[in-house]
Amino acid sequence: MDVLYKPDSSIARLLVMLLVNLTQLDSGIVSLLQKEAGRKMLLDSKRGLLKQILRQFDSTSPLRKKGVSGTLRNCCFEAENQLQNLLLITEFLWPALLLPVAGKKIYSEQETSKMPLELGSALSIEREPWDDPEFRVEALESIYLIIVQEAGLRAFWSVNGPRILQDGYEDEEDPKVMEAYERVGSLLVHGGGTEEPSSSSETPK
């Protein structure tokens, strides 16, 4: 596994495909995501691995989508120290996190004007529902890990994240997913409910 941590490793492309195709994941790759060093490697902006992984988010393969969702959630555990690297790929990050939990609403041009282009475009048209509640729970857990950081909370407000979650919550019927929405909602309230949140939040353990 040590070769995966080398900056110039030729295995990088293979690693991306392994991470987003769960049927090919072996114990070594799983252990990579469980290690802090492995998550940091994926978040290294110079490597661009996470960006490549998030590009697979619009795949028609449920397994690939599941791989992207799980990988992103693991990376979000490093948000306290790697938030800047996460926010550097905003155009891919927020669609991957918000589309699964956005509900059915079709947004107007005015509502999407301040959103990243990819997110706004997707929310302005009719879209396929995310039937697997596990996707939605993972997305909400990832959002929580990001917005518990003050800069992450500000970034979330900047893309109209709270409004998107509110609309998604109104369409939600699964109790476990609703609980995950409510956990994020309580953090938004604790953060002051404005675009200038307080810095009193702590990273969940």
C-alpha atoms as a PDB file:
ATOM      1  CA  MET A   1       0.000   0.000   0.000  1.00  0.00           C
ATOM      2  CA  ASP A   2       2.909   2.387   0.515  1.00  0.00           C
ATOM      3  CA  VAL A   3       3.226   2.959  -3.228  1.00  0.00           C
ATOM      4  CA  LEU A   4      -0.186   4.639  -3.238  1.00  0.00           C
ATOM      5  CA  TYR A   5       1.140   7.471  -1.098  1.00  0.00           C
ATOM      6  CA  LYS A   6       3.954   8.404  -3.496  1.00  0.00           C
ATOM      7  CA  PRO A   7       3.218  11.722  -5.270  1.00  0.00           C
ATOM      8  CA  ASP A   8       4.144  10.427  -8.726  1.00  0.00           C
ATOM      9  CA  SER A   9       2.499   7.036  -8.409  1.00  0.00           C
ATOM     10  CA  SER A  10       1.208   5.674 -11.708  1.00  0.00           C
ATOM     11  CA  ILE A  11      -1.500   3.851  -9.745  1.00  0.00           C
ATOM     12  CA  ALA A  12      -3.493   7.080  -9.219  1.00  0.00           C
ATOM     13  CA  ARG A  13      -5.913   6.515 -12.111  1.00  0.00           C
ATOM     14  CA  LEU A  14      -6.461   2.903 -11.129  1.00  0.00           C
ATOM     15  CA  LEU A  15      -7.124   4.008  -7.562  1.00  0.00           C
ATOM     16  CA  VAL A  16      -9.856   6.384  -8.722  1.00  0.00           C
ATOM     17  CA  MET A  17     -11.650   3.615 -10.577  1.00  0.00           C
ATOM     18  CA  LEU A  18     -11.270   1.194  -7.669  1.00  0.00           C
ATOM     19  CA  LEU A  19     -12.772   3.683  -5.262  1.00  0.00           C
ATOM     20  CA  VAL A  20     -15.849   4.299  -7.402  1.00  0.00           C
ATOM     21  CA  ASN A  21     -16.491   0.637  -8.279  1.00  0.00           C
ATOM     22  CA  LEU A  22     -17.255  -1.092  -5.008  1.00  0.00           C
ATOM     23  CA  THR A  23     -17.348  -4.530  -6.574  1.00  0.00           C
ATOM     24  CA  GLN A  24     -13.583  -4.227  -7.054  1.00  0.00           C
ATOM     25  CA  LEU A  25     -12.723  -2.861  -3.626  1.00  0.00           C
ATOM     26  CA  ASP A  26     -10.389  -5.090  -1.642  1.00  0.00           C
ATOM     27  CA  SER A  27      -9.403  -4.819   2.015  1.00  0.00           C
ATOM     28  CA  GLY A  28      -6.320  -2.784   1.130  1.00  0.00           C
ATOM     29  CA  ILE A  29      -8.294   0.016  -0.531  1.00  0.00           C
ATOM     30  CA  VAL A  30     -10.853   0.017   2.283  1.00  0.00           C
ATOM     31  CA  SER A  31      -8.044   0.380   4.823  1.00  0.00           C
ATOM     32  CA  LEU A  32      -6.651   3.275   2.773  1.00  0.00           C
ATOM     33  CA  LEU A  33      -9.842   5.263   3.345  1.00  0.00           C
ATOM     34  CA  GLN A  34      -9.836   4.417   7.036  1.00  0.00           C
ATOM     35  CA  LYS A  35      -6.394   5.948   7.501  1.00  0.00           C
ATOM     36  CA  GLU A  36      -5.866   9.660   7.935  1.00  0.00           C
ATOM     37  CA  ALA A  37      -2.915   9.581   5.527  1.00  0.00           C
ATOM     38  CA  GLY A  38      -5.048   7.905   2.875  1.00  0.00           C
ATOM     39  CA  ARG A  39      -7.791  10.507   3.128  1.00  0.00           C
ATOM     40  CA  LYS A  40      -5.229  13.296   3.009  1.00  0.00           C
ATOM     41  CA  MET A  41      -3.801  11.790  -0.155  1.00  0.00           C
ATOM     42  CA  LEU A  42      -7.212  11.928  -1.824  1.00  0.00           C
ATOM     43  CA  LEU A  43      -7.662  15.526  -0.671  1.00  0.00           C
ATOM     44  CA  ASP A  44      -4.268  16.702  -1.935  1.00  0.00           C
ATOM     45  CA  SER A  45      -5.182  19.413  -4.450  1.00  0.00           C
ATOM     46  CA  LYS A  46      -2.011  18.798  -6.461  1.00  0.00           C
ATOM     47  CA  ARG A  47      -3.028  15.206  -7.111  1.00  0.00           C
ATOM     48  CA  GLY A  48      -6.618  16.072  -7.978  1.00  0.00           C
ATOM     49  CA  LEU A  49      -7.814  12.573  -7.071  1.00  0.00           C
ATOM     50  CA  LEU A  50     -11.013  13.604  -5.301  1.00  0.00           C
ATOM     51  CA  LYS A  51     -11.936  15.868  -8.209  1.00  0.00           C
ATOM     52  CA  GLN A  52     -11.556  12.917 -10.579  1.00  0.00           C
ATOM     53  CA  ILE A  53     -13.689  10.779  -8.292  1.00  0.00           C
ATOM     54  CA  LEU A  54     -16.458  13.390  -8.058  1.00  0.00           C
ATOM     55  CA  ARG A  55     -16.538  13.593 -11.859  1.00  0.00           C
ATOM     56  CA  GLN A  56     -17.968  10.062 -11.713  1.00  0.00           C
ATOM     57  CA  PHE A  57     -20.950  11.302  -9.697  1.00  0.00           C
ATOM     58  CA  ASP A  58     -23.294  11.552 -12.689  1.00  0.00           C
ATOM     59  CA  SER A  59     -22.654   7.937 -13.675  1.00  0.00           C
ATOM     60  CA  THR A  60     -25.684   5.804 -14.473  1.00  0.00           C
ATOM     61  CA  SER A  61     -24.203   2.981 -12.380  1.00  0.00           C
ATOM     62  CA  PRO A  62     -25.682   2.779  -8.849  1.00  0.00           C
ATOM     63  CA  LEU A  63     -22.519   1.053  -7.625  1.00  0.00           C
ATOM     64  CA  ARG A  64     -20.333   3.824  -8.972  1.00  0.00           C
ATOM     65  CA  LYS A  65     -22.522   6.481  -7.386  1.00  0.00           C
ATOM     66  CA  LYS A  66     -22.344   4.587  -4.114  1.00  0.00           C
ATOM     67  CA  GLY A  67     -18.565   4.505  -4.372  1.00  0.00           C
ATOM     68  CA  VAL A  68     -18.384   8.251  -4.970  1.00  0.00           C
ATOM     69  CA  SER A  69     -20.743   8.963  -2.070  1.00  0.00           C
ATOM     70  CA  GLY A  70     -18.854   6.755   0.378  1.00  0.00           C
ATOM     71  CA  THR A  71     -15.454   8.077  -0.664  1.00  0.00           C
ATOM     72  CA  LEU A  72     -16.579  11.690  -0.293  1.00  0.00           C
ATOM     73  CA  ARG A  73     -18.035  10.992   3.142  1.00  0.00           C
ATOM     74  CA  ASN A  74     -14.747   9.472   4.284  1.00  0.00           C
ATOM     75  CA  CYS A  75     -12.841  12.491   2.995  1.00  0.00           C
ATOM     76  CA  CYS A  76     -15.170  14.857   4.860  1.00  0.00           C
ATOM     77  CA  PHE A  77     -13.881  13.441   8.142  1.00  0.00           C
ATOM     78  CA  GLU A  78     -10.758  15.489   7.347  1.00  0.00           C
ATOM     79  CA  ALA A  79     -12.765  18.711   6.948  1.00  0.00           C
ATOM     80  CA  GLU A  80     -11.285  20.252  10.084  1.00  0.00           C
ATOM     81  CA  ASN A  81      -7.794  20.283   8.566  1.00  0.00           C
ATOM     82  CA  GLN A  82      -8.511  19.905   4.848  1.00  0.00           C
ATOM     83  CA  LEU A  83     -11.528  22.163   4.358  1.00  0.00           C
ATOM     84  CA  GLN A  84      -9.746  24.448   1.919  1.00  0.00           C
ATOM     85  CA  ASN A  85      -8.950  21.529  -0.371  1.00  0.00           C
ATOM     86  CA  LEU A  86     -12.591  20.451  -0.284  1.00  0.00           C
ATOM     87  CA  LEU A  87     -13.826  23.941  -1.115  1.00  0.00           C
ATOM     88  CA  LEU A  88     -11.355  24.246  -4.003  1.00  0.00           C
ATOM     89  CA  ILE A  89     -13.560  21.800  -5.908  1.00  0.00           C
ATOM     90  CA  THR A  90     -16.844  23.532  -5.059  1.00  0.00           C
ATOM     91  CA  GLU A  91     -18.235  23.032  -8.557  1.00  0.00           C
ATOM     92  CA  PHE A  92     -18.100  19.256  -8.020  1.00  0.00           C
ATOM     93  CA  LEU A  93     -18.521  19.124  -4.233  1.00  0.00           C
ATOM     94  CA  TRP A  94     -21.914  20.760  -3.800  1.00  0.00           C
ATOM     95  CA  PRO A  95     -23.718  18.892  -6.602  1.00  0.00           C
ATOM     96  CA  ALA A  96     -22.497  15.587  -5.139  1.00  0.00           C
ATOM     97  CA  LEU A  97     -23.733  16.566  -1.673  1.00  0.00           C
ATOM     98  CA  LEU A  98     -26.911  18.512  -2.389  1.00  0.00           C
ATOM     99  CA  LEU A  99     -28.543  16.828  -5.382  1.00  0.00           C
ATOM    100  CA  PRO A 100     -29.346  13.606  -3.470  1.00  0.00           C
ATOM    101  CA  VAL A 101     -31.136  15.613  -0.750  1.00  0.00           C
ATOM    102  CA  ALA A 102     -32.690  18.429  -2.804  1.00  0.00           C
ATOM    103  CA  GLY A 103     -36.099  16.837  -3.197  1.00  0.00           C
ATOM    104  CA  LYS A 104     -38.301  17.303  -6.256  1.00  0.00           C
ATOM    105  CA  LYS A 105     -38.487  21.077  -6.524  1.00  0.00           C
ATOM    106  CA  ILE A 106     -37.501  22.701  -9.826  1.00  0.00           C
ATOM    107  CA  TYR A 107     -35.702  25.957  -9.034  1.00  0.00           C
ATOM    108  CA  SER A 108     -36.095  29.243 -10.871  1.00  0.00           C
ATOM    109  CA  GLU A 109     -33.254  31.090 -12.589  1.00  0.00           C
ATOM    110  CA  GLN A 110     -33.260  33.667  -9.792  1.00  0.00           C
ATOM    111  CA  GLU A 111     -32.926  30.960  -7.141  1.00  0.00           C
ATOM    112  CA  THR A 112     -29.991  29.300  -8.900  1.00  0.00           C
ATOM    113  CA  SER A 113     -28.154  32.495  -9.878  1.00  0.00           C
ATOM    114  CA  LYS A 114     -25.711  32.325  -6.953  1.00  0.00           C
ATOM    115  CA  MET A 115     -25.144  28.586  -7.130  1.00  0.00           C
ATOM    116  CA  PRO A 116     -22.240  26.858  -8.884  1.00  0.00           C
ATOM    117  CA  LEU A 117     -23.229  26.316 -12.529  1.00  0.00           C
ATOM    118  CA  GLU A 118     -23.346  22.521 -12.263  1.00  0.00           C
ATOM    119  CA  LEU A 119     -25.584  22.621  -9.182  1.00  0.00           C
ATOM    120  CA  GLY A 120     -27.883  25.345 -10.475  1.00  0.00           C
ATOM    121  CA  SER A 121     -28.317  23.678 -13.851  1.00  0.00           C
ATOM    122  CA  ALA A 122     -29.234  20.350 -12.271  1.00  0.00           C
ATOM    123  CA  LEU A 123     -31.738  21.934  -9.874  1.00  0.00           C
ATOM    124  CA  SER A 124     -33.477  23.913 -12.626  1.00  0.00           C
ATOM    125  CA  ILE A 125     -34.752  20.807 -14.443  1.00  0.00           C
ATOM    126  CA  GLU A 126     -36.774  17.727 -13.550  1.00  0.00           C
ATOM    127  CA  ARG A 127     -34.465  15.048 -12.170  1.00  0.00           C
ATOM    128  CA  GLU A 128     -34.482  11.398 -11.222  1.00  0.00           C
ATOM    129  CA  PRO A 129     -35.142  10.701  -7.508  1.00  0.00           C
ATOM    130  CA  TRP A 130     -32.429   9.170  -5.325  1.00  0.00           C
ATOM    131  CA  ASP A 131     -34.322   6.100  -4.218  1.00  0.00           C
ATOM    132  CA  ASP A 132     -31.660   4.612  -1.938  1.00  0.00           C
ATOM    133  CA  PRO A 133     -31.962   6.327   1.482  1.00  0.00           C
ATOM    134  CA  GLU A 134     -28.331   5.412   2.231  1.00  0.00           C
ATOM    135  CA  PHE A 135     -27.211   7.902  -0.423  1.00  0.00           C
ATOM    136  CA  ARG A 136     -29.190  10.665   1.224  1.00  0.00           C
ATOM    137  CA  VAL A 137     -27.964   9.852   4.722  1.00  0.00           C
ATOM    138  CA  GLU A 138     -24.322   9.815   3.567  1.00  0.00           C
ATOM    139  CA  ALA A 139     -24.758  13.145   1.791  1.00  0.00           C
ATOM    140  CA  LEU A 140     -26.248  14.745   4.903  1.00  0.00           C
ATOM    141  CA  GLU A 141     -23.510  13.319   7.117  1.00  0.00           C
ATOM    142  CA  SER A 142     -20.903  14.782   4.761  1.00  0.00           C
ATOM    143  CA  ILE A 143     -22.626  18.167   4.807  1.00  0.00           C
ATOM    144  CA  TYR A 144     -22.629  18.096   8.604  1.00  0.00           C
ATOM    145  CA  LEU A 145     -18.890  17.425   8.724  1.00  0.00           C
ATOM    146  CA  ILE A 146     -18.266  20.400   6.442  1.00  0.00           C
ATOM    147  CA  ILE A 147     -20.575  22.972   7.998  1.00  0.00           C
ATOM    148  CA  VAL A 148     -19.398  22.263  11.533  1.00  0.00           C
ATOM    149  CA  GLN A 149     -16.414  24.343  10.373  1.00  0.00           C
ATOM    150  CA  GLU A 150     -17.138  28.081  10.225  1.00  0.00           C
ATOM    151  CA  ALA A 151     -15.749  28.525   6.711  1.00  0.00           C
ATOM    152  CA  GLY A 152     -17.683  25.472   5.578  1.00  0.00           C
ATOM    153  CA  LEU A 153     -20.891  26.911   6.999  1.00  0.00           C
ATOM    154  CA  ARG A 154     -20.344  30.185   5.159  1.00  0.00           C
ATOM    155  CA  ALA A 155     -19.692  28.300   1.928  1.00  0.00           C
ATOM    156  CA  PHE A 156     -22.882  26.302   2.464  1.00  0.00           C
ATOM    157  CA  TRP A 157     -24.929  29.460   2.869  1.00  0.00           C
ATOM    158  CA  SER A 158     -23.318  30.951  -0.236  1.00  0.00           C
ATOM    159  CA  VAL A 159     -24.831  28.229  -2.440  1.00  0.00           C
ATOM    160  CA  ASN A 160     -28.277  28.511  -0.797  1.00  0.00           C
ATOM    161  CA  GLY A 161     -27.689  25.177   0.914  1.00  0.00           C
ATOM    162  CA  PRO A 162     -30.128  25.676   3.829  1.00  0.00           C
ATOM    163  CA  ARG A 163     -33.006  26.448   1.456  1.00  0.00           C
ATOM    164  CA  ILE A 164     -32.209  23.374  -0.649  1.00  0.00           C
ATOM    165  CA  LEU A 165     -32.234  21.166   2.454  1.00  0.00           C
ATOM    166  CA  GLN A 166     -35.489  22.699   3.650  1.00  0.00           C
ATOM    167  CA  ASP A 167     -37.173  21.836   0.353  1.00  0.00           C
ATOM    168  CA  GLY A 168     -35.678  18.348   0.392  1.00  0.00           C
ATOM    169  CA  TYR A 169     -36.843  17.741   3.949  1.00  0.00           C
ATOM    170  CA  GLU A 170     -40.416  18.584   2.973  1.00  0.00           C
ATOM    171  CA  ASP A 171     -40.345  15.796   0.370  1.00  0.00           C
ATOM    172  CA  GLU A 172     -38.602  13.240   2.592  1.00  0.00           C
ATOM    173  CA  GLU A 173     -40.483  10.257   4.020  1.00  0.00           C
ATOM    174  CA  ASP A 174     -37.750   7.964   5.364  1.00  0.00           C
ATOM    175  CA  PRO A 175     -37.384   8.357   9.171  1.00  0.00           C
ATOM    176  CA  LYS A 176     -33.608   7.820   9.207  1.00  0.00           C
ATOM    177  CA  VAL A 177     -33.053  10.361   6.457  1.00  0.00           C
ATOM    178  CA  MET A 178     -35.335  12.846   8.196  1.00  0.00           C
ATOM    179  CA  GLU A 179     -33.269  12.406  11.342  1.00  0.00           C
ATOM    180  CA  ALA A 180     -30.118  13.212   9.357  1.00  0.00           C
ATOM    181  CA  TYR A 181     -31.785  16.342   7.931  1.00  0.00           C
ATOM    182  CA  GLU A 182     -32.736  17.424  11.433  1.00  0.00           C
ATOM    183  CA  ARG A 183     -29.192  16.946  12.722  1.00  0.00           C
ATOM    184  CA  VAL A 184     -27.890  19.280  10.024  1.00  0.00           C
ATOM    185  CA  GLY A 185     -30.755  21.678  10.691  1.00  0.00           C
ATOM    186  CA  SER A 186     -29.914  21.885  14.387  1.00  0.00           C
ATOM    187  CA  LEU A 187     -26.355  22.806  13.483  1.00  0.00           C
ATOM    188  CA  LEU A 188     -27.566  25.547  11.138  1.00  0.00           C
ATOM    189  CA  VAL A 189     -29.703  26.983  13.934  1.00  0.00           C
ATOM    190  CA  HIS A 190     -26.784  26.721  16.371  1.00  0.00           C
ATOM    191  CA  GLY A 191     -24.629  28.552  13.830  1.00  0.00           C
ATOM    192  CA  GLY A 192     -26.914  31.532  14.032  1.00  0.00           C
ATOM    193  CA  GLY A 193     -29.014  31.012  10.897  1.00  0.00           C
ATOM    194  CA  THR A 194     -27.169  33.704   8.934  1.00  0.00           C
ATOM    195  CA  GLU A 195     -24.339  33.923   6.452  1.00  0.00           C
ATOM    196  CA  GLU A 196     -22.056  35.061   9.270  1.00  0.00           C
ATOM    197  CA  PRO A 197     -22.183  32.090  11.669  1.00  0.00           C
ATOM    198  CA  SER A 198     -20.443  31.929  14.983  1.00  0.00           C
ATOM    199  CA  SER A 199     -17.265  29.884  15.399  1.00  0.00           C
ATOM    200  CA  SER A 200     -18.417  27.977  18.489  1.00  0.00           C
ATOM    201  CA  SER A 201     -19.178  24.684  16.718  1.00  0.00           C
ATOM    202  CA  GLU A 202     -17.012  21.651  17.329  1.00  0.00           C
ATOM    203  CA  THR A 203     -16.198  18.752  15.040  1.00  0.00           C
ATOM    204  CA  PRO A 204     -18.333  15.667  15.829  1.00  0.00           C
ATOM    205  CA  LYS A 205     -16.505  12.647  17.189  1.00  0.00           C
END
